[in-house]
PDB file of N, CA and C in Angstrom:
ATOM      1  N   MET A   1       2.468   4.898   2.115  1.00  0.00           N
ATOM      2  CA  MET A   1       1.605   4.831   0.908  1.00  0.00           C
ATOM      3  C   MET A   1       1.011   3.445   0.761  1.00  0.00           C
ATOM      4  N   LEU A   2      -0.200   3.330   0.463  1.00  0.00           N
ATOM      5  CA  LEU A   2      -0.890   2.031   0.297  1.00  0.00           C
ATOM      6  C   LEU A   2      -0.784   1.673  -1.174  1.00  0.00           C
ATOM      7  N   ILE A   3      -0.661   0.358  -1.469  1.00  0.00           N
ATOM      8  CA  ILE A   3      -0.707  -0.198  -2.821  1.00  0.00           C
ATOM      9  C   ILE A   3      -1.584  -1.316  -2.976  1.00  0.00           C
ATOM     10  N   HIS A   4      -2.138  -1.496  -4.034  1.00  0.00           N
ATOM     11  CA  HIS A   4      -3.102  -2.487  -4.364  1.00  0.00           C
ATOM     12  C   HIS A   4      -2.327  -3.665  -4.871  1.00  0.00           C
ATOM     13  N   ILE A   5      -2.620  -4.963  -4.154  1.00  0.00           N
ATOM     14  CA  ILE A   5      -1.878  -6.129  -4.517  1.00  0.00           C
ATOM     15  C   ILE A   5      -2.768  -7.089  -5.157  1.00  0.00           C
ATOM     16  N   GLY A   6      -3.967  -6.749  -5.609  1.00  0.00           N
ATOM     17  CA  GLY A   6      -4.868  -7.627  -6.326  1.00  0.00           C
ATOM     18  C   GLY A   6      -6.141  -7.911  -5.466  1.00  0.00           C
ATOM     19  N   PHE A   7      -7.197  -7.967  -6.327  1.00  0.00           N
ATOM     20  CA  PHE A   7      -8.584  -8.381  -5.790  1.00  0.00           C
ATOM     21  C   PHE A   7      -8.999  -7.570  -4.485  1.00  0.00           C
ATOM     22  N   GLY A   8      -8.791  -6.328  -4.579  1.00  0.00           N
ATOM     23  CA  GLY A   8      -9.227  -5.375  -3.519  1.00  0.00           C
ATOM     24  C   GLY A   8      -8.290  -5.436  -2.270  1.00  0.00           C
ATOM     25  N   ASN A   9      -7.244  -6.068  -2.340  1.00  0.00           N
ATOM     26  CA  ASN A   9      -6.261  -6.080  -1.159  1.00  0.00           C
ATOM     27  C   ASN A   9      -5.259  -4.986  -1.366  1.00  0.00           C
ATOM     28  N   ILE A  10      -5.099  -4.464  -0.159  1.00  0.00           N
ATOM     29  CA  ILE A  10      -4.089  -3.264  -0.155  1.00  0.00           C
ATOM     30  C   ILE A  10      -3.044  -3.447   0.990  1.00  0.00           C
ATOM     31  N   VAL A  11      -1.834  -3.104   0.812  1.00  0.00           N
ATOM     32  CA  VAL A  11      -0.845  -3.203   1.764  1.00  0.00           C
ATOM     33  C   VAL A  11      -0.043  -1.827   1.874  1.00  0.00           C
ATOM     34  N   ASN A  12       0.568  -1.526   2.982  1.00  0.00           N
ATOM     35  CA  ASN A  12       1.435  -0.353   3.268  1.00  0.00           C
ATOM     36  C   ASN A  12       2.807  -0.699   2.661  1.00  0.00           C
ATOM     37  N   SER A  13       3.036   0.065   1.561  1.00  0.00           N
ATOM     38  CA  SER A  13       4.308  -0.199   0.781  1.00  0.00           C
ATOM     39  C   SER A  13       5.530   0.190   1.656  1.00  0.00           C
ATOM     40  N   SER A  14       5.442   0.995   2.555  1.00  0.00           N
ATOM     41  CA  SER A  14       6.599   1.417   3.353  1.00  0.00           C
ATOM     42  C   SER A  14       6.962   0.267   4.354  1.00  0.00           C
ATOM     43  N   LYS A  15       6.181  -0.720   4.530  1.00  0.00           N
ATOM     44  CA  LYS A  15       6.479  -1.839   5.335  1.00  0.00           C
ATOM     45  C   LYS A  15       6.873  -3.187   4.742  1.00  0.00           C
ATOM     46  N   ILE A  16       7.020  -3.017   3.310  1.00  0.00           N
ATOM     47  CA  ILE A  16       7.444  -4.188   2.565  1.00  0.00           C
ATOM     48  C   ILE A  16       9.030  -4.300   2.543  1.00  0.00           C
ATOM     49  N   ILE A  17       9.526  -5.416   2.958  1.00  0.00           N
ATOM     50  CA  ILE A  17      10.998  -5.577   2.896  1.00  0.00           C
ATOM     51  C   ILE A  17      11.470  -6.247   1.576  1.00  0.00           C
ATOM     52  N   ALA A  18      10.678  -7.169   1.103  1.00  0.00           N
ATOM     53  CA  ALA A  18      10.973  -7.889  -0.187  1.00  0.00           C
ATOM     54  C   ALA A  18       9.787  -8.424  -0.930  1.00  0.00           C
ATOM     55  N   ILE A  19       9.858  -8.429  -2.240  1.00  0.00           N
ATOM     56  CA  ILE A  19       8.832  -8.968  -3.088  1.00  0.00           C
ATOM     57  C   ILE A  19       9.463 -10.091  -3.895  1.00  0.00           C
ATOM     58  N   VAL A  20       9.143 -11.357  -3.619  1.00  0.00           N
ATOM     59  CA  VAL A  20       9.785 -12.429  -4.273  1.00  0.00           C
ATOM     60  C   VAL A  20       8.898 -13.344  -4.916  1.00  0.00           C
ATOM     61  N   SER A  21       9.420 -14.241  -5.847  1.00  0.00           N
ATOM     62  CA  SER A  21       8.742 -15.175  -6.571  1.00  0.00           C
ATOM     63  C   SER A  21       8.563 -16.362  -5.559  1.00  0.00           C
ATOM     64  N   PRO A  22       7.401 -17.149  -5.598  1.00  0.00           N
ATOM     65  CA  PRO A  22       7.215 -18.183  -4.699  1.00  0.00           C
ATOM     66  C   PRO A  22       7.794 -19.583  -5.167  1.00  0.00           C
ATOM     67  N   GLU A  23       8.493 -19.606  -6.259  1.00  0.00           N
ATOM     68  CA  GLU A  23       8.961 -20.872  -6.846  1.00  0.00           C
ATOM     69  C   GLU A  23      10.159 -21.589  -6.200  1.00  0.00           C
ATOM     70  N   SER A  24      10.973 -20.788  -5.516  1.00  0.00           N
ATOM     71  CA  SER A  24      12.167 -21.541  -4.971  1.00  0.00           C
ATOM     72  C   SER A  24      11.834 -22.223  -3.693  1.00  0.00           C
ATOM     73  N   ALA A  25      12.682 -23.196  -3.384  1.00  0.00           N
ATOM     74  CA  ALA A  25      12.414 -24.019  -2.271  1.00  0.00           C
ATOM     75  C   ALA A  25      12.562 -23.241  -0.947  1.00  0.00           C
ATOM     76  N   PRO A  26      13.506 -22.281  -0.699  1.00  0.00           N
ATOM     77  CA  PRO A  26      13.618 -21.471   0.499  1.00  0.00           C
ATOM     78  C   PRO A  26      12.318 -20.606   0.758  1.00  0.00           C
ATOM     79  N   VAL A  27      11.838 -20.076  -0.398  1.00  0.00           N
ATOM     80  CA  VAL A  27      10.580 -19.277  -0.226  1.00  0.00           C
ATOM     81  C   VAL A  27       9.419 -20.081   0.107  1.00  0.00           C
ATOM     82  N   LYS A  28       9.270 -21.298  -0.493  1.00  0.00           N
ATOM     83  CA  LYS A  28       8.268 -22.280  -0.153  1.00  0.00           C
ATOM     84  C   LYS A  28       8.246 -22.622   1.299  1.00  0.00           C
ATOM     85  N   ARG A  29       9.533 -22.775   1.900  1.00  0.00           N
ATOM     86  CA  ARG A  29       9.733 -23.218   3.253  1.00  0.00           C
ATOM     87  C   ARG A  29       9.265 -22.035   4.141  1.00  0.00           C
ATOM     88  N   MET A  30       9.608 -20.846   3.763  1.00  0.00           N
ATOM     89  CA  MET A  30       9.243 -19.611   4.497  1.00  0.00           C
ATOM     90  C   MET A  30       7.787 -19.459   4.572  1.00  0.00           C
ATOM     91  N   VAL A  31       7.084 -19.580   3.453  1.00  0.00           N
ATOM     92  CA  VAL A  31       5.605 -19.568   3.393  1.00  0.00           C
ATOM     93  C   VAL A  31       4.947 -20.662   4.240  1.00  0.00           C
ATOM     94  N   GLN A  32       5.448 -21.810   4.171  1.00  0.00           N
ATOM     95  CA  GLN A  32       4.908 -22.908   4.956  1.00  0.00           C
ATOM     96  C   GLN A  32       5.097 -22.653   6.465  1.00  0.00           C
ATOM     97  N   SER A  33       6.303 -22.142   6.830  1.00  0.00           N
ATOM     98  CA  SER A  33       6.553 -21.830   8.181  1.00  0.00           C
ATOM     99  C   SER A  33       5.670 -20.627   8.692  1.00  0.00           C
ATOM    100  N   ALA A  34       5.389 -19.697   7.807  1.00  0.00           N
ATOM    101  CA  ALA A  34       4.615 -18.511   8.174  1.00  0.00           C
ATOM    102  C   ALA A  34       3.028 -19.114   8.413  1.00  0.00           C
ATOM    103  N   ARG A  35       2.627 -19.996   7.487  1.00  0.00           N
ATOM    104  CA  ARG A  35       1.342 -20.512   7.670  1.00  0.00           C
ATOM    105  C   ARG A  35       1.101 -21.280   9.010  1.00  0.00           C
ATOM    106  N   GLU A  36       2.240 -22.007   9.366  1.00  0.00           N
ATOM    107  CA  GLU A  36       2.081 -22.717  10.571  1.00  0.00           C
ATOM    108  C   GLU A  36       2.125 -21.883  11.786  1.00  0.00           C
ATOM    109  N   LYS A  37       2.812 -20.710  11.786  1.00  0.00           N
ATOM    110  CA  LYS A  37       2.851 -19.834  12.827  1.00  0.00           C
ATOM    111  C   LYS A  37       1.576 -18.826  12.907  1.00  0.00           C
ATOM    112  N   GLY A  38       0.829 -18.915  11.772  1.00  0.00           N
ATOM    113  CA  GLY A  38      -0.367 -18.013  11.696  1.00  0.00           C
ATOM    114  C   GLY A  38      -0.041 -16.605  11.295  1.00  0.00           C
ATOM    115  N   ILE A  39       1.201 -16.328  10.591  1.00  0.00           N
ATOM    116  CA  ILE A  39       1.558 -15.024  10.158  1.00  0.00           C
ATOM    117  C   ILE A  39       1.592 -14.741   8.729  1.00  0.00           C
ATOM    118  N   ALA A  40       0.935 -15.813   8.048  1.00  0.00           N
ATOM    119  CA  ALA A  40       0.757 -15.602   6.564  1.00  0.00           C
ATOM    120  C   ALA A  40      -0.606 -15.103   6.260  1.00  0.00           C
ATOM    121  N   ILE A  41      -0.654 -14.103   5.389  1.00  0.00           N
ATOM    122  CA  ILE A  41      -1.802 -13.531   4.876  1.00  0.00           C
ATOM    123  C   ILE A  41      -2.018 -13.871   3.424  1.00  0.00           C
ATOM    124  N   ASP A  42      -3.100 -14.721   3.190  1.00  0.00           N
ATOM    125  CA  ASP A  42      -3.327 -15.036   1.700  1.00  0.00           C
ATOM    126  C   ASP A  42      -4.312 -14.136   1.167  1.00  0.00           C
ATOM    127  N   ALA A  43      -3.759 -13.236   0.226  1.00  0.00           N
ATOM    128  CA  ALA A  43      -4.501 -12.312  -0.506  1.00  0.00           C
ATOM    129  C   ALA A  43      -4.746 -12.767  -2.051  1.00  0.00           C
ATOM    130  N   THR A  44      -4.738 -14.071  -2.193  1.00  0.00           N
ATOM    131  CA  THR A  44      -4.767 -14.549  -3.677  1.00  0.00           C
ATOM    132  C   THR A  44      -6.172 -14.867  -4.029  1.00  0.00           C
ATOM    133  N   GLN A  45      -7.121 -14.792  -3.027  1.00  0.00           N
ATOM    134  CA  GLN A  45      -8.619 -15.133  -3.357  1.00  0.00           C
ATOM    135  C   GLN A  45      -8.652 -16.466  -4.145  1.00  0.00           C
ATOM    136  N   GLY A  46      -7.974 -17.406  -3.732  1.00  0.00           N
ATOM    137  CA  GLY A  46      -7.969 -18.795  -4.281  1.00  0.00           C
ATOM    138  C   GLY A  46      -7.228 -19.026  -5.575  1.00  0.00           C
ATOM    139  N   ARG A  47      -6.566 -17.869  -6.054  1.00  0.00           N
ATOM    140  CA  ARG A  47      -5.800 -18.027  -7.255  1.00  0.00           C
ATOM    141  C   ARG A  47      -4.399 -18.553  -6.896  1.00  0.00           C
ATOM    142  N   LYS A  48      -3.660 -18.793  -7.996  1.00  0.00           N
ATOM    143  CA  LYS A  48      -2.263 -19.275  -7.781  1.00  0.00           C
ATOM    144  C   LYS A  48      -1.450 -18.096  -7.266  1.00  0.00           C
ATOM    145  N   THR A  49      -0.567 -18.457  -6.298  1.00  0.00           N
ATOM    146  CA  THR A  49       0.371 -17.460  -5.720  1.00  0.00           C
ATOM    147  C   THR A  49       1.448 -17.125  -6.633  1.00  0.00           C
ATOM    148  N   LYS A  50       1.599 -15.875  -7.071  1.00  0.00           N
ATOM    149  CA  LYS A  50       2.598 -15.505  -7.992  1.00  0.00           C
ATOM    150  C   LYS A  50       3.681 -14.698  -7.373  1.00  0.00           C
ATOM    151  N   SER A  51       3.418 -14.077  -6.215  1.00  0.00           N
ATOM    152  CA  SER A  51       4.434 -13.282  -5.434  1.00  0.00           C
ATOM    153  C   SER A  51       4.218 -13.443  -3.950  1.00  0.00           C
ATOM    154  N   VAL A  52       5.268 -13.276  -3.274  1.00  0.00           N
ATOM    155  CA  VAL A  52       5.282 -13.332  -1.782  1.00  0.00           C
ATOM    156  C   VAL A  52       5.944 -12.013  -1.298  1.00  0.00           C
ATOM    157  N   LEU A  53       5.162 -11.204  -0.472  1.00  0.00           N
ATOM    158  CA  LEU A  53       5.662  -9.963   0.056  1.00  0.00           C
ATOM    159  C   LEU A  53       6.128 -10.372   1.576  1.00  0.00           C
ATOM    160  N   VAL A  54       7.431  -9.989   1.797  1.00  0.00           N
ATOM    161  CA  VAL A  54       7.894 -10.171   3.150  1.00  0.00           C
ATOM    162  C   VAL A  54       7.741  -8.747   3.807  1.00  0.00           C
ATOM    163  N   MET A  55       7.093  -8.691   4.914  1.00  0.00           N
ATOM    164  CA  MET A  55       6.773  -7.477   5.617  1.00  0.00           C
ATOM    165  C   MET A  55       7.782  -7.220   6.752  1.00  0.00           C
ATOM    166  N   GLU A  56       7.849  -5.991   7.277  1.00  0.00           N
ATOM    167  CA  GLU A  56       8.727  -5.661   8.427  1.00  0.00           C
ATOM    168  C   GLU A  56       8.337  -6.504   9.658  1.00  0.00           C
ATOM    169  N   ASN A  57       7.241  -6.758   9.915  1.00  0.00           N
ATOM    170  CA  ASN A  57       6.879  -7.493  11.191  1.00  0.00           C
ATOM    171  C   ASN A  57       6.932  -8.971  11.067  1.00  0.00           C
ATOM    172  N   SER A  58       7.694  -9.492  10.059  1.00  0.00           N
ATOM    173  CA  SER A  58       7.886 -10.846   9.755  1.00  0.00           C
ATOM    174  C   SER A  58       6.680 -11.579   9.148  1.00  0.00           C
ATOM    175  N   GLN A  59       5.557 -10.845   8.911  1.00  0.00           N
ATOM    176  CA  GLN A  59       4.438 -11.463   8.287  1.00  0.00           C
ATOM    177  C   GLN A  59       4.797 -11.582   6.869  1.00  0.00           C
ATOM    178  N   VAL A  60       4.083 -12.506   6.252  1.00  0.00           N
ATOM    179  CA  VAL A  60       4.229 -12.864   4.833  1.00  0.00           C
ATOM    180  C   VAL A  60       2.911 -12.743   4.142  1.00  0.00           C
ATOM    181  N   VAL A  61       2.874 -11.976   3.000  1.00  0.00           N
ATOM    182  CA  VAL A  61       1.615 -11.739   2.301  1.00  0.00           C
ATOM    183  C   VAL A  61       1.709 -12.381   0.964  1.00  0.00           C
ATOM    184  N   LEU A  62       0.771 -13.219   0.619  1.00  0.00           N
ATOM    185  CA  LEU A  62       0.744 -13.950  -0.673  1.00  0.00           C
ATOM    186  C   LEU A  62      -0.192 -13.159  -1.680  1.00  0.00           C
ATOM    187  N   SER A  63       0.360 -12.975  -2.891  1.00  0.00           N
ATOM    188  CA  SER A  63      -0.531 -12.269  -3.872  1.00  0.00           C
ATOM    189  C   SER A  63      -0.553 -13.007  -5.151  1.00  0.00           C
ATOM    190  N   ALA A  64      -1.616 -12.832  -5.919  1.00  0.00           N
ATOM    191  CA  ALA A  64      -1.764 -13.458  -7.246  1.00  0.00           C
ATOM    192  C   ALA A  64      -1.201 -12.623  -8.323  1.00  0.00           C
ATOM    193  N   LEU A  65      -0.670 -11.461  -8.020  1.00  0.00           N
ATOM    194  CA  LEU A  65       0.054 -10.592  -9.009  1.00  0.00           C
ATOM    195  C   LEU A  65       1.486 -10.875  -9.039  1.00  0.00           C
ATOM    196  N   LEU A  66       2.145 -10.759 -10.213  1.00  0.00           N
ATOM    197  CA  LEU A  66       3.484 -10.957 -10.472  1.00  0.00           C
ATOM    198  C   LEU A  66       4.343  -9.956  -9.630  1.00  0.00           C
ATOM    199  N   PRO A  67       5.488 -10.311  -9.176  1.00  0.00           N
ATOM    200  CA  PRO A  67       6.397  -9.454  -8.506  1.00  0.00           C
ATOM    201  C   PRO A  67       6.696  -8.186  -9.125  1.00  0.00           C
ATOM    202  N   GLU A  68       6.889  -8.294 -10.453  1.00  0.00           N
ATOM    203  CA  GLU A  68       7.166  -7.123 -11.250  1.00  0.00           C
ATOM    204  C   GLU A  68       5.996  -6.119 -11.237  1.00  0.00           C
ATOM    205  N   THR A  69       4.772  -6.620 -11.302  1.00  0.00           N
ATOM    206  CA  THR A  69       3.709  -5.706 -11.261  1.00  0.00           C
ATOM    207  C   THR A  69       3.574  -5.027  -9.940  1.00  0.00           C
ATOM    208  N   ILE A  70       3.771  -5.704  -8.815  1.00  0.00           N
ATOM    209  CA  ILE A  70       3.703  -5.095  -7.520  1.00  0.00           C
ATOM    210  C   ILE A  70       4.913  -3.981  -7.465  1.00  0.00           C
ATOM    211  N   ALA A  71       6.013  -4.492  -7.856  1.00  0.00           N
ATOM    212  CA  ALA A  71       7.164  -3.581  -7.715  1.00  0.00           C
ATOM    213  C   ALA A  71       7.014  -2.300  -8.490  1.00  0.00           C
ATOM    214  N   GLY A  72       6.385  -2.432  -9.587  1.00  0.00           N
ATOM    215  CA  GLY A  72       6.112  -1.224 -10.517  1.00  0.00           C
ATOM    216  C   GLY A  72       5.193  -0.296  -9.678  1.00  0.00           C
ATOM    217  N   ARG A  73       4.162  -0.866  -9.056  1.00  0.00           N
ATOM    218  CA  ARG A  73       3.195  -0.102  -8.332  1.00  0.00           C
ATOM    219  C   ARG A  73       3.850   0.695  -7.172  1.00  0.00           C
ATOM    220  N   VAL A  74       4.777  -0.053  -6.434  1.00  0.00           N
ATOM    221  CA  VAL A  74       5.558   0.514  -5.392  1.00  0.00           C
ATOM    222  C   VAL A  74       6.382   1.679  -5.912  1.00  0.00           C
ATOM    223  N   GLN A  75       7.044   1.560  -7.018  1.00  0.00           N
ATOM    224  CA  GLN A  75       7.899   2.556  -7.528  1.00  0.00           C
ATOM    225  C   GLN A  75       7.005   3.717  -8.021  1.00  0.00           C
ATOM    226  N   GLY A  76       5.866   3.422  -8.649  1.00  0.00           N
ATOM    227  CA  GLY A  76       5.016   4.449  -9.124  1.00  0.00           C
ATOM    228  C   GLY A  76       4.479   5.281  -7.948  1.00  0.00           C
ATOM    229  N   SER A  77       4.097   4.686  -6.856  1.00  0.00           N
ATOM    230  CA  SER A  77       3.563   5.433  -5.733  1.00  0.00           C
ATOM    231  C   SER A  77       4.705   6.276  -5.054  1.00  0.00           C
ATOM    232  N   ALA A  78       5.973   5.718  -5.092  1.00  0.00           N
ATOM    233  CA  ALA A  78       7.076   6.478  -4.556  1.00  0.00           C
ATOM    234  C   ALA A  78       7.371   7.677  -5.408  1.00  0.00           C
ATOM    235  N   GLN A  79       7.250   7.538  -6.734  1.00  0.00           N
ATOM    236  CA  GLN A  79       7.565   8.745  -7.568  1.00  0.00           C
ATOM    237  C   GLN A  79       6.465   9.713  -7.332  1.00  0.00           C
ATOM    238  N   MET A  80       5.173   9.283  -7.390  1.00  0.00           N
ATOM    239  CA  MET A  80       4.107  10.200  -7.020  1.00  0.00           C
ATOM    240  C   MET A  80       4.194  10.974  -5.792  1.00  0.00           C
ATOM    241  N   GLN A  81       4.580  10.212  -4.686  1.00  0.00           N
ATOM    242  CA  GLN A  81       4.921  10.954  -3.481  1.00  0.00           C
ATOM    243  C   GLN A  81       6.048  11.939  -3.497  1.00  0.00           C
ATOM    244  N   GLU A  82       7.084  11.532  -4.258  1.00  0.00           N
ATOM    245  CA  GLU A  82       8.201  12.417  -4.465  1.00  0.00           C
ATOM    246  C   GLU A  82       7.857  13.678  -5.252  1.00  0.00           C
ATOM    247  N   GLU A  83       7.066  13.549  -6.257  1.00  0.00           N
ATOM    248  CA  GLU A  83       6.619  14.631  -7.060  1.00  0.00           C
ATOM    249  C   GLU A  83       5.732  15.610  -6.270  1.00  0.00           C
ATOM    250  N   SER A  84       4.866  14.990  -5.420  1.00  0.00           N
ATOM    251  CA  SER A  84       3.978  15.909  -4.717  1.00  0.00           C
ATOM    252  C   SER A  84       4.731  16.608  -3.600  1.00  0.00           C
ATOM    253  N   SER A  85       5.819  16.040  -3.077  1.00  0.00           N
ATOM    254  CA  SER A  85       6.630  16.752  -2.130  1.00  0.00           C
ATOM    255  C   SER A  85       7.378  17.872  -2.850  1.00  0.00           C
ATOM    256  N   VAL A  86       7.873  17.629  -4.016  1.00  0.00           N
ATOM    257  CA  VAL A  86       8.543  18.716  -4.691  1.00  0.00           C
ATOM    258  C   VAL A  86       7.615  19.748  -5.152  1.00  0.00           C
ATOM    259  N   GLU A  87       6.438  19.514  -5.520  1.00  0.00           N
ATOM    260  CA  GLU A  87       5.417  20.470  -5.796  1.00  0.00           C
ATOM    261  C   GLU A  87       5.039  21.293  -4.575  1.00  0.00           C
ATOM    262  N   GLY A  88       5.021  20.648  -3.491  1.00  0.00           N
ATOM    263  CA  GLY A  88       4.737  21.364  -2.239  1.00  0.00           C
ATOM    264  C   GLY A  88       5.786  22.407  -1.881  1.00  0.00           C
ATOM    265  N   THR A  89       7.013  22.131  -2.139  1.00  0.00           N
ATOM    266  CA  THR A  89       8.108  23.038  -1.798  1.00  0.00           C
ATOM    267  C   THR A  89       8.155  24.254  -2.807  1.00  0.00           C
ATOM    268  N   ASP A  90       7.708  23.971  -4.000  1.00  0.00           N
ATOM    269  CA  ASP A  90       7.677  25.018  -4.998  1.00  0.00           C
ATOM    270  C   ASP A  90       6.580  26.121  -4.655  1.00  0.00           C
ATOM    271  N   GLU A  91       5.543  25.552  -4.063  1.00  0.00           N
ATOM    272  CA  GLU A  91       4.390  26.561  -3.705  1.00  0.00           C
ATOM    273  C   GLU A  91       4.941  27.369  -2.538  1.00  0.00           C
ATOM    274  N   ARG A  92       5.759  26.838  -1.635  1.00  0.00           N
ATOM    275  CA  ARG A  92       6.139  27.650  -0.458  1.00  0.00           C
ATOM    276  C   ARG A  92       7.143  28.796  -0.870  1.00  0.00           C
ATOM    277  N   GLN A  93       7.741  28.710  -1.947  1.00  0.00           N
ATOM    278  CA  GLN A  93       8.761  29.694  -2.285  1.00  0.00           C
ATOM    279  C   GLN A  93       8.187  30.875  -2.922  1.00  0.00           C
TER     280      GLN A  93
END
């Protein structure tokens, strides 16, 4: 399921390992290391980074949305997918 992470940027929610705040020193080091390796994706459109998404393939995605906002969207899309699968089973019966 794809989710919107701000400013027209979309990621595959099934590939997200963690959504963290960029304030701590370990996360800052992780982001800097990812930038140096070329595996950081800056989706902030020049705004302040408010969340860091750690992806399955070790890529790091920077977003200007709060972690709570993105987590809510992930949970909402998971609930929608679950509801649609339940509705699909009801139709088959």
